[in-house]
PDB file of all heavy atoms in Angstrom:
ATOM      1  N   VAL A   1      -5.544  -2.099 -15.727  1.00  0.00           N
ATOM      2  CA  VAL A   1      -4.751  -2.979 -14.863  1.00  0.00           C
ATOM      3  C   VAL A   1      -4.012  -2.151 -13.809  1.00  0.00           C
ATOM      4  O   VAL A   1      -3.919  -2.535 -12.642  1.00  0.00           O
ATOM      5  CB  VAL A   1      -3.754  -3.809 -15.715  1.00  0.00           C
ATOM      6  CG1 VAL A   1      -2.813  -4.605 -14.835  1.00  0.00           C
ATOM      7  CG2 VAL A   1      -4.525  -4.743 -16.653  1.00  0.00           C
ATOM      8  N   VAL A   2      -3.439  -1.016 -14.218  1.00  0.00           N
ATOM      9  CA  VAL A   2      -2.715  -0.164 -13.281  1.00  0.00           C
ATOM     10  C   VAL A   2      -3.666   0.449 -12.238  1.00  0.00           C
ATOM     11  O   VAL A   2      -3.315   0.578 -11.063  1.00  0.00           O
ATOM     12  CB  VAL A   2      -1.958   0.954 -14.027  1.00  0.00           C
ATOM     13  CG1 VAL A   2      -1.412   1.993 -13.058  1.00  0.00           C
ATOM     14  CG2 VAL A   2      -0.835   0.339 -14.846  1.00  0.00           C
ATOM     15  N   THR A   3      -4.886   0.778 -12.655  1.00  0.00           N
ATOM     16  CA  THR A   3      -5.881   1.314 -11.714  1.00  0.00           C
ATOM     17  C   THR A   3      -6.184   0.305 -10.607  1.00  0.00           C
ATOM     18  O   THR A   3      -6.274   0.676  -9.418  1.00  0.00           O
ATOM     19  CB  THR A   3      -7.157   1.703 -12.453  1.00  0.00           C
ATOM     20  OG1 THR A   3      -6.873   2.775 -13.354  1.00  0.00           O
ATOM     21  CG2 THR A   3      -8.247   2.147 -11.469  1.00  0.00           C
ATOM     22  N   ALA A   4      -6.320  -0.957 -10.978  1.00  0.00           N
ATOM     23  CA  ALA A   4      -6.573  -2.008  -9.962  1.00  0.00           C
ATOM     24  C   ALA A   4      -5.375  -2.108  -9.014  1.00  0.00           C
ATOM     25  O   ALA A   4      -5.533  -2.291  -7.786  1.00  0.00           O
ATOM     26  CB  ALA A   4      -6.827  -3.342 -10.632  1.00  0.00           C
ATOM     27  N   LEU A   5      -4.173  -1.961  -9.557  1.00  0.00           N
ATOM     28  CA  LEU A   5      -2.963  -1.967  -8.719  1.00  0.00           C
ATOM     29  C   LEU A   5      -2.968  -0.798  -7.745  1.00  0.00           C
ATOM     30  O   LEU A   5      -2.683  -0.942  -6.555  1.00  0.00           O
ATOM     31  CB  LEU A   5      -1.720  -1.901  -9.625  1.00  0.00           C
ATOM     32  CG  LEU A   5      -0.365  -1.667  -8.936  1.00  0.00           C
ATOM     33  CD1 LEU A   5      -0.002  -2.857  -8.072  1.00  0.00           C
ATOM     34  CD2 LEU A   5       0.727  -1.430  -9.978  1.00  0.00           C
ATOM     35  N   ASP A   6      -3.315   0.383  -8.249  1.00  0.00           N
ATOM     36  CA  ASP A   6      -3.378   1.561  -7.403  1.00  0.00           C
ATOM     37  C   ASP A   6      -4.408   1.410  -6.292  1.00  0.00           C
ATOM     38  O   ASP A   6      -4.166   1.782  -5.142  1.00  0.00           O
ATOM     39  CB  ASP A   6      -3.666   2.797  -8.246  1.00  0.00           C
ATOM     40  CG  ASP A   6      -3.669   4.080  -7.437  1.00  0.00           C
ATOM     41  OD1 ASP A   6      -2.580   4.517  -7.059  1.00  0.00           O
ATOM     42  OD2 ASP A   6      -4.771   4.603  -7.166  1.00  0.00           O
ATOM     43  N   GLU A   7      -5.548   0.838  -6.638  1.00  0.00           N
ATOM     44  CA  GLU A   7      -6.594   0.612  -5.626  1.00  0.00           C
ATOM     45  C   GLU A   7      -6.107  -0.351  -4.566  1.00  0.00           C
ATOM     46  O   GLU A   7      -6.444  -0.218  -3.373  1.00  0.00           O
ATOM     47  CB  GLU A   7      -7.856   0.092  -6.297  1.00  0.00           C
ATOM     48  CG  GLU A   7      -8.559   1.138  -7.154  1.00  0.00           C
ATOM     49  CD  GLU A   7      -9.680   0.536  -8.003  1.00  0.00           C
ATOM     50  OE1 GLU A   7      -9.836  -0.719  -7.974  1.00  0.00           O
ATOM     51  OE2 GLU A   7     -10.390   1.301  -8.681  1.00  0.00           O
ATOM     52  N   SER A   8      -5.311  -1.334  -4.958  1.00  0.00           N
ATOM     53  CA  SER A   8      -4.744  -2.284  -4.010  1.00  0.00           C
ATOM     54  C   SER A   8      -3.859  -1.572  -2.980  1.00  0.00           C
ATOM     55  O   SER A   8      -3.885  -1.873  -1.786  1.00  0.00           O
ATOM     56  CB  SER A   8      -3.926  -3.355  -4.751  1.00  0.00           C
ATOM     57  OG  SER A   8      -3.270  -4.211  -3.847  1.00  0.00           O
ATOM     58  N   VAL A   9      -3.065  -0.615  -3.470  1.00  0.00           N
ATOM     59  CA  VAL A   9      -2.203   0.163  -2.557  1.00  0.00           C
ATOM     60  C   VAL A   9      -3.072   0.878  -1.529  1.00  0.00           C
ATOM     61  O   VAL A   9      -2.766   0.876  -0.326  1.00  0.00           O
ATOM     62  CB  VAL A   9      -1.347   1.157  -3.365  1.00  0.00           C
ATOM     63  CG1 VAL A   9      -0.616   2.108  -2.412  1.00  0.00           C
ATOM     64  CG2 VAL A   9      -0.351   0.429  -4.235  1.00  0.00           C
ATOM     65  N   GLY A  10      -4.156   1.491  -1.969  1.00  0.00           N
ATOM     66  CA  GLY A  10      -5.049   2.175  -1.032  1.00  0.00           C
ATOM     67  C   GLY A  10      -5.670   1.198  -0.029  1.00  0.00           C
ATOM     68  O   GLY A  10      -5.789   1.539   1.155  1.00  0.00           O
ATOM     69  N   THR A  11      -6.026   0.022  -0.490  1.00  0.00           N
ATOM     70  CA  THR A  11      -6.598  -0.984   0.418  1.00  0.00           C
ATOM     71  C   THR A  11      -5.614  -1.384   1.518  1.00  0.00           C
ATOM     72  O   THR A  11      -6.000  -1.482   2.700  1.00  0.00           O
ATOM     73  CB  THR A  11      -6.975  -2.234  -0.405  1.00  0.00           C
ATOM     74  OG1 THR A  11      -8.003  -1.905  -1.348  1.00  0.00           O
ATOM     75  CG2 THR A  11      -7.462  -3.356   0.504  1.00  0.00           C
ATOM     76  N   ILE A  12      -4.356  -1.553   1.159  1.00  0.00           N
ATOM     77  CA  ILE A  12      -3.348  -1.964   2.138  1.00  0.00           C
ATOM     78  C   ILE A  12      -3.067  -0.872   3.143  1.00  0.00           C
ATOM     79  O   ILE A  12      -2.961  -1.120   4.355  1.00  0.00           O
ATOM     80  CB  ILE A  12      -2.043  -2.385   1.405  1.00  0.00           C
ATOM     81  CG1 ILE A  12      -2.308  -3.528   0.423  1.00  0.00           C
ATOM     82  CG2 ILE A  12      -0.976  -2.749   2.422  1.00  0.00           C
ATOM     83  CD1 ILE A  12      -3.094  -4.690   1.011  1.00  0.00           C
ATOM     84  N   VAL A  13      -2.942   0.367   2.688  1.00  0.00           N
ATOM     85  CA  VAL A  13      -2.681   1.476   3.601  1.00  0.00           C
ATOM     86  C   VAL A  13      -3.838   1.660   4.576  1.00  0.00           C
ATOM     87  O   VAL A  13      -3.644   1.887   5.775  1.00  0.00           O
ATOM     88  CB  VAL A  13      -2.370   2.766   2.816  1.00  0.00           C
ATOM     89  CG1 VAL A  13      -2.114   3.932   3.785  1.00  0.00           C
ATOM     90  CG2 VAL A  13      -1.162   2.574   1.908  1.00  0.00           C
ATOM     91  N   GLN A  14      -5.048   1.538   4.060  1.00  0.00           N
ATOM     92  CA  GLN A  14      -6.221   1.639   4.933  1.00  0.00           C
ATOM     93  C   GLN A  14      -6.266   0.506   5.949  1.00  0.00           C
ATOM     94  O   GLN A  14      -6.610   0.714   7.121  1.00  0.00           O
ATOM     95  CB  GLN A  14      -7.511   1.638   4.098  1.00  0.00           C
ATOM     96  CG  GLN A  14      -7.889   2.969   3.515  1.00  0.00           C
ATOM     97  CD  GLN A  14      -8.486   3.919   4.549  1.00  0.00           C
ATOM     98  OE1 GLN A  14      -8.679   3.574   5.698  1.00  0.00           O
ATOM     99  NE2 GLN A  14      -8.764   5.157   4.136  1.00  0.00           N
ATOM    100  N   ALA A  15      -5.893  -0.697   5.546  1.00  0.00           N
ATOM    101  CA  ALA A  15      -5.882  -1.835   6.469  1.00  0.00           C
ATOM    102  C   ALA A  15      -4.863  -1.612   7.581  1.00  0.00           C
ATOM    103  O   ALA A  15      -5.127  -1.929   8.750  1.00  0.00           O
ATOM    104  CB  ALA A  15      -5.555  -3.122   5.698  1.00  0.00           C
ATOM    105  N   LEU A  16      -3.721  -1.058   7.246  1.00  0.00           N
ATOM    106  CA  LEU A  16      -2.718  -0.734   8.263  1.00  0.00           C
ATOM    107  C   LEU A  16      -3.235   0.324   9.227  1.00  0.00           C
ATOM    108  O   LEU A  16      -2.995   0.251  10.430  1.00  0.00           O
ATOM    109  CB  LEU A  16      -1.427  -0.248   7.586  1.00  0.00           C
ATOM    110  CG  LEU A  16      -0.628  -1.295   6.812  1.00  0.00           C
ATOM    111  CD1 LEU A  16       0.434  -0.623   5.953  1.00  0.00           C
ATOM    112  CD2 LEU A  16       0.029  -2.298   7.750  1.00  0.00           C
ATOM    113  N   ARG A  17      -3.975   1.299   8.717  1.00  0.00           N
ATOM    114  CA  ARG A  17      -4.548   2.331   9.574  1.00  0.00           C
ATOM    115  C   ARG A  17      -5.571   1.738  10.529  1.00  0.00           C
ATOM    116  O   ARG A  17      -5.559   2.062  11.730  1.00  0.00           O
ATOM    117  CB  ARG A  17      -5.191   3.429   8.686  1.00  0.00           C
ATOM    118  CG  ARG A  17      -5.903   4.523   9.498  1.00  0.00           C
ATOM    119  CD  ARG A  17      -4.904   5.378  10.241  1.00  0.00           C
ATOM    120  NE  ARG A  17      -5.558   6.350  11.094  1.00  0.00           N
ATOM    121  CZ  ARG A  17      -5.754   6.202  12.389  1.00  0.00           C
ATOM    122  NH1 ARG A  17      -5.352   5.089  12.995  1.00  0.00           N
ATOM    123  NH2 ARG A  17      -6.346   7.135  13.111  1.00  0.00           N
ATOM    124  N   ARG A  18      -6.448   0.880  10.026  1.00  0.00           N
ATOM    125  CA  ARG A  18      -7.478   0.281  10.868  1.00  0.00           C
ATOM    126  C   ARG A  18      -6.853  -0.593  11.992  1.00  0.00           C
ATOM    127  O   ARG A  18      -7.391  -0.644  13.093  1.00  0.00           O
ATOM    128  CB  ARG A  18      -8.426  -0.575  10.027  1.00  0.00           C
ATOM    129  CG  ARG A  18      -9.377   0.206   9.153  1.00  0.00           C
ATOM    130  CD  ARG A  18     -10.495  -0.667   8.661  1.00  0.00           C
ATOM    131  NE  ARG A  18      -9.993  -1.807   7.887  1.00  0.00           N
ATOM    132  CZ  ARG A  18      -9.765  -1.806   6.598  1.00  0.00           C
ATOM    133  NH1 ARG A  18      -9.987  -0.687   5.894  1.00  0.00           N
ATOM    134  NH2 ARG A  18      -9.321  -2.861   5.961  1.00  0.00           N
ATOM    135  N   ALA A  19      -5.732  -1.228  11.675  1.00  0.00           N
ATOM    136  CA  ALA A  19      -5.059  -2.096  12.649  1.00  0.00           C
ATOM    137  C   ALA A  19      -4.142  -1.302  13.562  1.00  0.00           C
ATOM    138  O   ALA A  19      -3.439  -1.905  14.385  1.00  0.00           O
ATOM    139  CB  ALA A  19      -4.285  -3.170  11.900  1.00  0.00           C
ATOM    140  N   ASP A  20      -4.145   0.015  13.410  1.00  0.00           N
ATOM    141  CA  ASP A  20      -3.269   0.901  14.213  1.00  0.00           C
ATOM    142  C   ASP A  20      -1.789   0.540  14.030  1.00  0.00           C
ATOM    143  O   ASP A  20      -1.004   0.618  14.973  1.00  0.00           O
ATOM    144  CB  ASP A  20      -3.647   0.829  15.703  1.00  0.00           C
ATOM    145  CG  ASP A  20      -3.098   2.009  16.505  1.00  0.00           C
ATOM    146  OD1 ASP A  20      -2.878   3.083  15.898  1.00  0.00           O
ATOM    147  OD2 ASP A  20      -2.845   1.838  17.711  1.00  0.00           O
ATOM    148  N   MET A  21      -1.421   0.167  12.818  1.00  0.00           N
ATOM    149  CA  MET A  21      -0.057  -0.221  12.490  1.00  0.00           C
ATOM    150  C   MET A  21       0.648   0.797  11.607  1.00  0.00           C
ATOM    151  O   MET A  21       1.871   0.759  11.490  1.00  0.00           O
ATOM    152  CB  MET A  21      -0.034  -1.601  11.821  1.00  0.00           C
ATOM    153  CG  MET A  21      -0.498  -2.739  12.706  1.00  0.00           C
ATOM    154  SD  MET A  21      -0.814  -4.278  11.794  1.00  0.00           S
ATOM    155  CE  MET A  21       0.816  -4.614  11.102  1.00  0.00           C
ATOM    156  N   LEU A  22      -0.121   1.675  11.010  1.00  0.00           N
ATOM    157  CA  LEU A  22       0.452   2.576   9.995  1.00  0.00           C
ATOM    158  C   LEU A  22       1.488   3.519  10.616  1.00  0.00           C
ATOM    159  O   LEU A  22       2.510   3.854  10.002  1.00  0.00           O
ATOM    160  CB  LEU A  22      -0.643   3.383   9.329  1.00  0.00           C
ATOM    161  CG  LEU A  22      -0.243   4.302   8.170  1.00  0.00           C
ATOM    162  CD1 LEU A  22       0.456   3.523   7.061  1.00  0.00           C
ATOM    163  CD2 LEU A  22      -1.456   5.049   7.630  1.00  0.00           C
ATOM    164  N   LYS A  23       1.251   3.937  11.860  1.00  0.00           N
ATOM    165  CA  LYS A  23       2.154   4.918  12.495  1.00  0.00           C
ATOM    166  C   LYS A  23       3.524   4.354  12.798  1.00  0.00           C
ATOM    167  O   LYS A  23       4.464   5.097  13.061  1.00  0.00           O
ATOM    168  CB  LYS A  23       1.506   5.440  13.787  1.00  0.00           C
ATOM    169  CG  LYS A  23       1.231   4.376  14.829  1.00  0.00           C
ATOM    170  CD  LYS A  23       0.443   4.947  15.986  1.00  0.00           C
ATOM    171  CE  LYS A  23       0.091   3.866  17.014  1.00  0.00           C
ATOM    172  NZ  LYS A  23      -0.768   4.399  18.085  1.00  0.00           N
ATOM    173  N   ASN A  24       3.690   3.046  12.726  1.00  0.00           N
ATOM    174  CA  ASN A  24       4.983   2.418  12.942  1.00  0.00           C
ATOM    175  C   ASN A  24       5.329   1.495  11.779  1.00  0.00           C
ATOM    176  O   ASN A  24       5.766   0.362  11.963  1.00  0.00           O
ATOM    177  CB  ASN A  24       5.000   1.637  14.258  1.00  0.00           C
ATOM    178  CG  ASN A  24       6.400   1.152  14.628  1.00  0.00           C
ATOM    179  OD1 ASN A  24       7.406   1.825  14.362  1.00  0.00           O
ATOM    180  ND2 ASN A  24       6.493  -0.035  15.207  1.00  0.00           N
ATOM    181  N   SER A  25       5.092   1.984  10.570  1.00  0.00           N
ATOM    182  CA  SER A  25       5.327   1.171   9.381  1.00  0.00           C
ATOM    183  C   SER A  25       6.214   1.884   8.382  1.00  0.00           C
ATOM    184  O   SER A  25       6.233   3.107   8.312  1.00  0.00           O
ATOM    185  CB  SER A  25       3.997   0.805   8.691  1.00  0.00           C
ATOM    186  OG  SER A  25       3.253  -0.102   9.456  1.00  0.00           O
ATOM    187  N   ILE A  26       6.941   1.098   7.620  1.00  0.00           N
ATOM    188  CA  ILE A  26       7.695   1.563   6.453  1.00  0.00           C
ATOM    189  C   ILE A  26       7.068   0.914   5.237  1.00  0.00           C
ATOM    190  O   ILE A  26       6.970  -0.323   5.170  1.00  0.00           O
ATOM    191  CB  ILE A  26       9.180   1.164   6.555  1.00  0.00           C
ATOM    192  CG1 ILE A  26       9.830   1.783   7.794  1.00  0.00           C
ATOM    193  CG2 ILE A  26       9.933   1.585   5.292  1.00  0.00           C
ATOM    194  CD1 ILE A  26      11.211   1.225   8.112  1.00  0.00           C
ATOM    195  N   ILE A  27       6.585   1.707   4.287  1.00  0.00           N
ATOM    196  CA  ILE A  27       5.984   1.156   3.082  1.00  0.00           C
ATOM    197  C   ILE A  27       6.848   1.543   1.907  1.00  0.00           C
ATOM    198  O   ILE A  27       7.077   2.741   1.645  1.00  0.00           O
ATOM    199  CB  ILE A  27       4.556   1.702   2.870  1.00  0.00           C
ATOM    200  CG1 ILE A  27       3.682   1.432   4.109  1.00  0.00           C
ATOM    201  CG2 ILE A  27       3.913   1.077   1.631  1.00  0.00           C
ATOM    202  CD1 ILE A  27       2.295   2.040   4.026  1.00  0.00           C
ATOM    203  N   VAL A  28       7.312   0.559   1.180  1.00  0.00           N
ATOM    204  CA  VAL A  28       8.116   0.789  -0.031  1.00  0.00           C
ATOM    205  C   VAL A  28       7.301   0.364  -1.228  1.00  0.00           C
ATOM    206  O   VAL A  28       6.822  -0.775  -1.295  1.00  0.00           O
ATOM    207  CB  VAL A  28       9.438  -0.018   0.015  1.00  0.00           C
ATOM    208  CG1 VAL A  28      10.272   0.263  -1.238  1.00  0.00           C
ATOM    209  CG2 VAL A  28      10.234   0.312   1.276  1.00  0.00           C
ATOM    210  N   PHE A  29       7.138   1.260  -2.183  1.00  0.00           N
ATOM    211  CA  PHE A  29       6.502   0.901  -3.464  1.00  0.00           C
ATOM    212  C   PHE A  29       7.574   0.987  -4.541  1.00  0.00           C
ATOM    213  O   PHE A  29       8.309   1.963  -4.611  1.00  0.00           O
ATOM    214  CB  PHE A  29       5.352   1.865  -3.789  1.00  0.00           C
ATOM    215  CG  PHE A  29       4.709   1.550  -5.120  1.00  0.00           C
ATOM    216  CD1 PHE A  29       3.692   0.602  -5.183  1.00  0.00           C
ATOM    217  CD2 PHE A  29       5.129   2.146  -6.293  1.00  0.00           C
ATOM    218  CE1 PHE A  29       3.111   0.285  -6.406  1.00  0.00           C
ATOM    219  CE2 PHE A  29       4.562   1.836  -7.528  1.00  0.00           C
ATOM    220  CZ  PHE A  29       3.559   0.892  -7.565  1.00  0.00           C
ATOM    221  N   MET A  30       7.621  -0.048  -5.386  1.00  0.00           N
ATOM    222  CA  MET A  30       8.628  -0.055  -6.456  1.00  0.00           C
ATOM    223  C   MET A  30       8.193  -0.951  -7.608  1.00  0.00           C
ATOM    224  O   MET A  30       7.263  -1.764  -7.481  1.00  0.00           O
ATOM    225  CB  MET A  30       9.974  -0.582  -5.931  1.00  0.00           C
ATOM    226  CG  MET A  30       9.951  -2.061  -5.566  1.00  0.00           C
ATOM    227  SD  MET A  30      11.563  -2.699  -5.076  1.00  0.00           S
ATOM    228  CE  MET A  30      11.597  -2.169  -3.364  1.00  0.00           C
ATOM    229  N   SER A  31       8.870  -0.793  -8.720  1.00  0.00           N
ATOM    230  CA  SER A  31       8.733  -1.724  -9.849  1.00  0.00           C
ATOM    231  C   SER A  31      10.009  -2.542  -9.949  1.00  0.00           C
ATOM    232  O   SER A  31      11.104  -2.042  -9.638  1.00  0.00           O
ATOM    233  CB  SER A  31       8.496  -0.965 -11.144  1.00  0.00           C
ATOM    234  OG  SER A  31       8.363  -1.869 -12.237  1.00  0.00           O
ATOM    235  N   ASP A  32       9.872  -3.795 -10.376  1.00  0.00           N
ATOM    236  CA  ASP A  32      11.057  -4.654 -10.476  1.00  0.00           C
ATOM    237  C   ASP A  32      11.943  -4.294 -11.654  1.00  0.00           C
ATOM    238  O   ASP A  32      13.153  -4.542 -11.622  1.00  0.00           O
ATOM    239  CB  ASP A  32      10.652  -6.129 -10.537  1.00  0.00           C
ATOM    240  CG  ASP A  32       9.788  -6.469 -11.754  1.00  0.00           C
ATOM    241  OD1 ASP A  32       9.228  -5.544 -12.409  1.00  0.00           O
ATOM    242  OD2 ASP A  32       9.664  -7.683 -12.067  1.00  0.00           O
ATOM    243  N   ASN A  33      11.386  -3.723 -12.684  1.00  0.00           N
ATOM    244  CA  ASN A  33      12.141  -3.251 -13.861  1.00  0.00           C
ATOM    245  C   ASN A  33      11.221  -2.388 -14.679  1.00  0.00           C
ATOM    246  O   ASN A  33      10.083  -2.152 -14.315  1.00  0.00           O
ATOM    247  CB  ASN A  33      12.664  -4.426 -14.696  1.00  0.00           C
ATOM    248  CG  ASN A  33      11.652  -5.527 -14.944  1.00  0.00           C
ATOM    249  OD1 ASN A  33      11.740  -6.614 -14.376  1.00  0.00           O
ATOM    250  ND2 ASN A  33      10.651  -5.240 -15.767  1.00  0.00           N
ATOM    251  N   GLY A  34      11.741  -1.890 -15.828  1.00  0.00           N
ATOM    252  CA  GLY A  34      10.938  -1.024 -16.662  1.00  0.00           C
ATOM    253  C   GLY A  34       9.838  -1.753 -17.409  1.00  0.00           C
ATOM    254  O   GLY A  34       9.742  -2.991 -17.355  1.00  0.00           O
TER     255      GLY A  34
END
């Protein structure tokens, strides 16, 4: 399950790069609790 989550993060960052948006983006990754 965590691997699928990690792959999702990669998908989003790549999408931002393709759209030429990554260079002006703030990406926050967090968990809501333990």
